[in-house]
Amino acid sequence: MAAHALGSYVLGLLTIALLLTGLYAGGRALKGARFLSPFDKRLVTIVETAFLAQNTVLQIVKIGVRYYALACGSGRVTLLCELPVPEITAQLDAKALPAKSR
């Protein structure tokens, strides 16, 4: 009887460990993936942020269907330029694809 209980306990632990390993691997695989949602109705979206200095960041922002590069820091926001939509969407699509093993 004790051997049966111990076997059931070990089987339960192995099942939980396998489940957690699968969830961890799935989370790592989806890290950084972009999901397109038909319910996402945001007008302004921060696409990418790069920290340049302690209080200065470069941001790519989507407003409507256009993309802009902004420099933000010390209470100021400066519009640098409007970015071409095909170039940005190509970069986002390439970034969303899983990396090929070398």
C-alpha atoms as a PDB file:
ATOM      1  CA  MET A   1       0.000   0.000   0.000  1.00  0.00           C
ATOM      2  CA  ALA A   2       2.825   2.408   0.894  1.00  0.00           C
ATOM      3  CA  ALA A   3       4.618   1.618  -2.374  1.00  0.00           C
ATOM      4  CA  HIS A   4       1.444   2.403  -4.341  1.00  0.00           C
ATOM      5  CA  ALA A   5       1.018   5.737  -2.527  1.00  0.00           C
ATOM      6  CA  LEU A   6       4.669   6.619  -3.113  1.00  0.00           C
ATOM      7  CA  GLY A   7       4.335   5.727  -6.813  1.00  0.00           C
ATOM      8  CA  SER A   8       1.257   7.931  -7.163  1.00  0.00           C
ATOM      9  CA  TYR A   9       3.051  10.790  -5.406  1.00  0.00           C
ATOM     10  CA  VAL A  10       6.096  10.523  -7.691  1.00  0.00           C
ATOM     11  CA  LEU A  11       3.865  10.301 -10.769  1.00  0.00           C
ATOM     12  CA  GLY A  12       2.010  13.440  -9.659  1.00  0.00           C
ATOM     13  CA  LEU A  13       5.262  15.329  -9.122  1.00  0.00           C
ATOM     14  CA  LEU A  14       6.554  14.275 -12.540  1.00  0.00           C
ATOM     15  CA  THR A  15       3.304  15.389 -14.153  1.00  0.00           C
ATOM     16  CA  ILE A  16       3.525  18.809 -12.497  1.00  0.00           C
ATOM     17  CA  ALA A  17       7.207  19.153 -13.454  1.00  0.00           C
ATOM     18  CA  LEU A  18       6.407  18.273 -17.067  1.00  0.00           C
ATOM     19  CA  LEU A  19       3.546  20.770 -17.146  1.00  0.00           C
ATOM     20  CA  LEU A  20       5.708  23.564 -15.709  1.00  0.00           C
ATOM     21  CA  THR A  21       8.514  22.772 -18.164  1.00  0.00           C
ATOM     22  CA  GLY A  22       6.060  22.971 -21.060  1.00  0.00           C
ATOM     23  CA  LEU A  23       4.671  26.294 -19.864  1.00  0.00           C
ATOM     24  CA  TYR A  24       8.183  27.678 -19.426  1.00  0.00           C
ATOM     25  CA  ALA A  25       9.242  26.550 -22.916  1.00  0.00           C
ATOM     26  CA  GLY A  26       6.062  27.989 -24.437  1.00  0.00           C
ATOM     27  CA  GLY A  27       6.605  31.313 -22.693  1.00  0.00           C
ATOM     28  CA  ARG A  28      10.192  31.489 -23.931  1.00  0.00           C
ATOM     29  CA  ALA A  29       9.054  30.681 -27.479  1.00  0.00           C
ATOM     30  CA  LEU A  30       6.420  33.427 -27.436  1.00  0.00           C
ATOM     31  CA  LYS A  31       8.686  36.024 -25.823  1.00  0.00           C
ATOM     32  CA  GLY A  32       8.618  39.129 -27.966  1.00  0.00           C
ATOM     33  CA  ALA A  33       5.942  37.780 -30.308  1.00  0.00           C
ATOM     34  CA  ARG A  34       3.454  40.310 -31.528  1.00  0.00           C
ATOM     35  CA  PHE A  35      -0.163  39.257 -31.607  1.00  0.00           C
ATOM     36  CA  LEU A  36      -2.584  41.138 -33.787  1.00  0.00           C
ATOM     37  CA  SER A  37      -5.875  41.613 -32.054  1.00  0.00           C
ATOM     38  CA  PRO A  38      -8.998  42.827 -33.838  1.00  0.00           C
ATOM     39  CA  PHE A  39     -10.053  44.346 -30.508  1.00  0.00           C
ATOM     40  CA  ASP A  40      -6.998  46.592 -30.160  1.00  0.00           C
ATOM     41  CA  LYS A  41      -8.471  50.023 -30.920  1.00  0.00           C
ATOM     42  CA  ARG A  42      -5.611  52.161 -29.605  1.00  0.00           C
ATOM     43  CA  LEU A  43      -4.809  55.244 -31.634  1.00  0.00           C
ATOM     44  CA  VAL A  44      -1.335  55.779 -30.125  1.00  0.00           C
ATOM     45  CA  THR A  45       1.068  52.869 -29.598  1.00  0.00           C
ATOM     46  CA  ILE A  46       4.713  52.888 -28.546  1.00  0.00           C
ATOM     47  CA  VAL A  47       6.325  50.393 -30.907  1.00  0.00           C
ATOM     48  CA  GLU A  48       9.935  50.484 -29.704  1.00  0.00           C
ATOM     49  CA  THR A  49      11.985  52.295 -27.057  1.00  0.00           C
ATOM     50  CA  ALA A  50      15.757  52.679 -26.971  1.00  0.00           C
ATOM     51  CA  PHE A  51      17.461  54.229 -23.944  1.00  0.00           C
ATOM     52  CA  LEU A  52      20.210  56.607 -25.079  1.00  0.00           C
ATOM     53  CA  ALA A  53      21.223  58.181 -21.761  1.00  0.00           C
ATOM     54  CA  GLN A  54      19.979  58.361 -18.181  1.00  0.00           C
ATOM     55  CA  ASN A  55      17.024  60.627 -18.979  1.00  0.00           C
ATOM     56  CA  THR A  56      16.876  60.354 -22.768  1.00  0.00           C
ATOM     57  CA  VAL A  57      15.052  57.809 -24.909  1.00  0.00           C
ATOM     58  CA  LEU A  58      14.381  57.339 -28.594  1.00  0.00           C
ATOM     59  CA  GLN A  59      10.885  56.051 -29.310  1.00  0.00           C
ATOM     60  CA  ILE A  60       9.135  54.781 -32.399  1.00  0.00           C
ATOM     61  CA  VAL A  61       5.468  55.678 -32.008  1.00  0.00           C
ATOM     62  CA  LYS A  62       2.511  54.659 -34.151  1.00  0.00           C
ATOM     63  CA  ILE A  63      -0.236  57.261 -34.326  1.00  0.00           C
ATOM     64  CA  GLY A  64      -3.127  56.102 -36.453  1.00  0.00           C
ATOM     65  CA  VAL A  65      -1.449  54.479 -39.454  1.00  0.00           C
ATOM     66  CA  ARG A  66       1.743  56.580 -39.396  1.00  0.00           C
ATOM     67  CA  TYR A  67       5.020  55.998 -37.571  1.00  0.00           C
ATOM     68  CA  TYR A  68       7.154  58.713 -35.958  1.00  0.00           C
ATOM     69  CA  ALA A  69      10.585  58.848 -34.332  1.00  0.00           C
ATOM     70  CA  LEU A  70      10.544  60.849 -31.093  1.00  0.00           C
ATOM     71  CA  ALA A  71      13.338  61.939 -28.776  1.00  0.00           C
ATOM     72  CA  CYS A  72      12.118  62.171 -25.185  1.00  0.00           C
ATOM     73  CA  GLY A  73      13.968  63.431 -22.145  1.00  0.00           C
ATOM     74  CA  SER A  74      13.994  65.873 -19.253  1.00  0.00           C
ATOM     75  CA  GLY A  75      10.355  66.825 -19.691  1.00  0.00           C
ATOM     76  CA  ARG A  76      10.677  67.410 -23.446  1.00  0.00           C
ATOM     77  CA  VAL A  77       9.434  65.495 -26.460  1.00  0.00           C
ATOM     78  CA  THR A  78      10.890  66.282 -29.880  1.00  0.00           C
ATOM     79  CA  LEU A  79       9.551  64.984 -33.179  1.00  0.00           C
ATOM     80  CA  LEU A  80      12.555  63.812 -35.191  1.00  0.00           C
ATOM     81  CA  CYS A  81      10.863  62.584 -38.366  1.00  0.00           C
ATOM     82  CA  GLU A  82       8.033  60.571 -39.874  1.00  0.00           C
ATOM     83  CA  LEU A  83       9.108  57.058 -40.787  1.00  0.00           C
ATOM     84  CA  PRO A  84       8.074  55.184 -43.954  1.00  0.00           C
ATOM     85  CA  VAL A  85       5.314  52.691 -43.155  1.00  0.00           C
ATOM     86  CA  PRO A  86       6.537  49.837 -45.426  1.00  0.00           C
ATOM     87  CA  GLU A  87      10.002  49.916 -43.857  1.00  0.00           C
ATOM     88  CA  ILE A  88       8.671  49.813 -40.279  1.00  0.00           C
ATOM     89  CA  THR A  89       6.150  47.054 -40.966  1.00  0.00           C
ATOM     90  CA  ALA A  90       8.854  44.982 -42.677  1.00  0.00           C
ATOM     91  CA  GLN A  91      11.081  45.373 -39.598  1.00  0.00           C
ATOM     92  CA  LEU A  92       8.229  44.434 -37.256  1.00  0.00           C
ATOM     93  CA  ASP A  93       7.375  41.364 -39.345  1.00  0.00           C
ATOM     94  CA  ALA A  94      11.018  40.271 -39.416  1.00  0.00           C
ATOM     95  CA  LYS A  95      11.281  40.763 -35.652  1.00  0.00           C
ATOM     96  CA  ALA A  96       8.120  38.726 -34.999  1.00  0.00           C
ATOM     97  CA  LEU A  97       9.402  35.703 -36.941  1.00  0.00           C
ATOM     98  CA  PRO A  98      11.290  33.128 -34.864  1.00  0.00           C
ATOM     99  CA  ALA A  99      15.042  33.232 -35.341  1.00  0.00           C
ATOM    100  CA  LYS A 100      16.458  30.440 -37.508  1.00  0.00           C
ATOM    101  CA  SER A 101      19.080  28.258 -35.879  1.00  0.00           C
ATOM    102  CA  ARG A 102      22.560  28.641 -37.345  1.00  0.00           C
END
